[in-house]
Amino acid sequence: MSMSSRLLRAAAPVELISLAVLLVNLATVHWQAVASLFGPVHGCAYLFVIGATIHKSRDTKTRLLAIVPGIGGLLVVRRNKTRPATPAEAEEFSATPRQASLDQDATS
């Protein structure tokens, strides 16, 4: 599993939970401390989801799913589980950086 996959799997639930906490706080007590804590957490998780998706997938639909606040990351994780990788994606992410550089040197 690549680093971007692990990052995406970690950031997706954090994004959803932090958004839920922010919305519940907004609808009930509206404590500033909760907003100050969970606002940046949600923002960072949201940006991590988008960045990891852009790094991992070349599919436009998958990238567009990532920008949906709250559930976008979970939708991307689910889509990546069910959708087979294209041959280019499979080749790109199956080779380690060392193998990729050796393959490139061999073809040169």
Protein backbone atom coordinates (compact mmCIF):
# COMPACT_ATOMS: atom_id res chain seq x y z
CA MET A 1 0.00 0.00 0.00
CA SER A 2 1.44 3.36 -1.02
CA MET A 3 1.97 6.29 1.29
CA SER A 4 -0.82 8.27 -0.37
CA SER A 5 -3.24 5.36 0.19
CA ARG A 6 -2.41 5.22 3.88
CA LEU A 7 -2.71 8.98 4.18
CA LEU A 8 -6.07 8.93 2.40
CA ARG A 9 -7.39 6.12 4.61
CA ALA A 10 -6.35 8.06 7.74
CA ALA A 11 -7.53 11.50 6.64
CA ALA A 12 -10.95 10.49 5.27
CA PRO A 13 -12.59 9.55 8.60
CA VAL A 14 -10.89 12.47 10.38
CA GLU A 15 -12.41 14.81 7.79
CA LEU A 16 -15.91 13.40 8.33
CA ILE A 17 -15.75 13.28 12.13
CA SER A 18 -14.31 16.78 12.44
CA LEU A 19 -17.01 18.19 10.15
CA ALA A 20 -19.70 16.43 12.18
CA VAL A 21 -18.29 17.88 15.40
CA LEU A 22 -18.21 21.36 13.87
CA LEU A 23 -21.80 21.13 12.64
CA VAL A 24 -23.11 19.75 15.96
CA ASN A 25 -21.27 22.52 17.79
CA LEU A 26 -22.77 25.11 15.44
CA ALA A 27 -26.28 23.74 15.88
CA THR A 28 -26.09 23.50 19.68
CA VAL A 29 -23.80 25.39 22.03
CA HIS A 30 -21.46 27.08 19.53
CA TRP A 31 -18.40 27.00 21.78
CA GLN A 32 -15.54 28.96 20.27
CA ALA A 33 -12.93 26.56 21.69
CA VAL A 34 -14.47 23.62 19.80
CA ALA A 35 -14.50 25.59 16.57
CA SER A 36 -10.92 26.74 17.14
CA LEU A 37 -9.75 23.17 17.65
CA PHE A 38 -11.75 21.26 15.05
CA GLY A 39 -11.79 23.90 12.32
CA PRO A 40 -8.08 23.57 11.49
CA VAL A 41 -8.23 19.78 11.97
CA HIS A 42 -11.03 19.56 9.41
CA GLY A 43 -9.24 21.92 7.03
CA CYS A 44 -6.01 19.94 7.15
CA ALA A 45 -7.79 16.60 6.73
CA TYR A 46 -9.75 18.03 3.78
CA LEU A 47 -6.57 19.23 2.08
CA PHE A 48 -4.80 15.93 2.78
CA VAL A 49 -7.69 14.04 1.16
CA ILE A 50 -7.53 16.22 -1.94
CA GLY A 51 -3.73 16.03 -2.17
CA ALA A 52 -3.57 12.27 -1.65
CA THR A 53 -6.31 11.72 -4.23
CA ILE A 54 -4.56 13.89 -6.80
CA HIS A 55 -1.33 12.02 -6.14
CA LYS A 56 -2.93 8.57 -6.26
CA SER A 57 -5.49 8.81 -9.05
CA ARG A 58 -5.55 10.23 -12.55
CA ASP A 59 -9.28 9.62 -12.88
CA THR A 60 -11.22 12.89 -13.10
CA LYS A 61 -14.32 11.50 -11.38
CA THR A 62 -12.28 10.28 -8.44
CA ARG A 63 -10.57 13.66 -8.13
CA LEU A 64 -13.92 15.43 -8.22
CA LEU A 65 -15.24 13.16 -5.46
CA ALA A 66 -12.36 14.26 -3.24
CA ILE A 67 -13.53 17.87 -3.17
CA VAL A 68 -16.91 16.97 -1.63
CA PRO A 69 -16.60 18.18 1.98
CA GLY A 70 -17.06 15.58 4.69
CA ILE A 71 -17.73 12.40 2.75
CA GLY A 72 -15.49 12.95 -0.27
CA GLY A 73 -12.54 11.11 1.24
CA LEU A 74 -14.62 8.09 2.18
CA LEU A 75 -16.15 8.02 -1.31
CA VAL A 76 -12.67 8.08 -2.84
CA VAL A 77 -11.49 5.23 -0.59
CA ARG A 78 -14.56 3.19 -1.56
CA ARG A 79 -14.12 3.98 -5.25
CA ASN A 80 -10.46 2.94 -5.13
CA LYS A 81 -11.45 -0.39 -3.55
CA THR A 82 -14.10 -1.19 -6.15
CA ARG A 83 -12.58 0.31 -9.31
CA PRO A 84 -9.68 -1.63 -10.81
CA ALA A 85 -6.61 0.46 -11.43
CA THR A 86 -5.81 1.42 -14.98
CA PRO A 87 -2.67 -0.26 -16.38
CA ALA A 88 -0.75 3.03 -16.07
CA GLU A 89 -1.78 3.47 -12.42
CA ALA A 90 -1.02 -0.13 -11.58
CA GLU A 91 2.44 0.11 -13.14
CA GLU A 92 3.17 3.46 -11.51
CA PHE A 93 2.24 2.36 -7.99
CA SER A 94 3.46 -1.24 -8.10
CA ALA A 95 7.11 -0.36 -8.71
CA THR A 96 9.16 0.97 -5.86
CA PRO A 97 11.11 4.17 -6.56
CA ARG A 98 14.33 2.14 -6.77
CA GLN A 99 12.80 -0.29 -9.26
CA ALA A 100 11.35 2.54 -11.32
CA SER A 101 14.73 4.26 -11.59
CA LEU A 102 16.42 0.97 -12.56
CA ASP A 103 13.78 0.33 -15.21
CA GLN A 104 14.27 3.84 -16.57
CA ASP A 105 18.05 3.39 -16.69
CA ALA A 106 17.67 0.07 -18.51
CA THR A 107 15.53 1.62 -21.24
CA SER A 108 17.88 4.56 -21.75
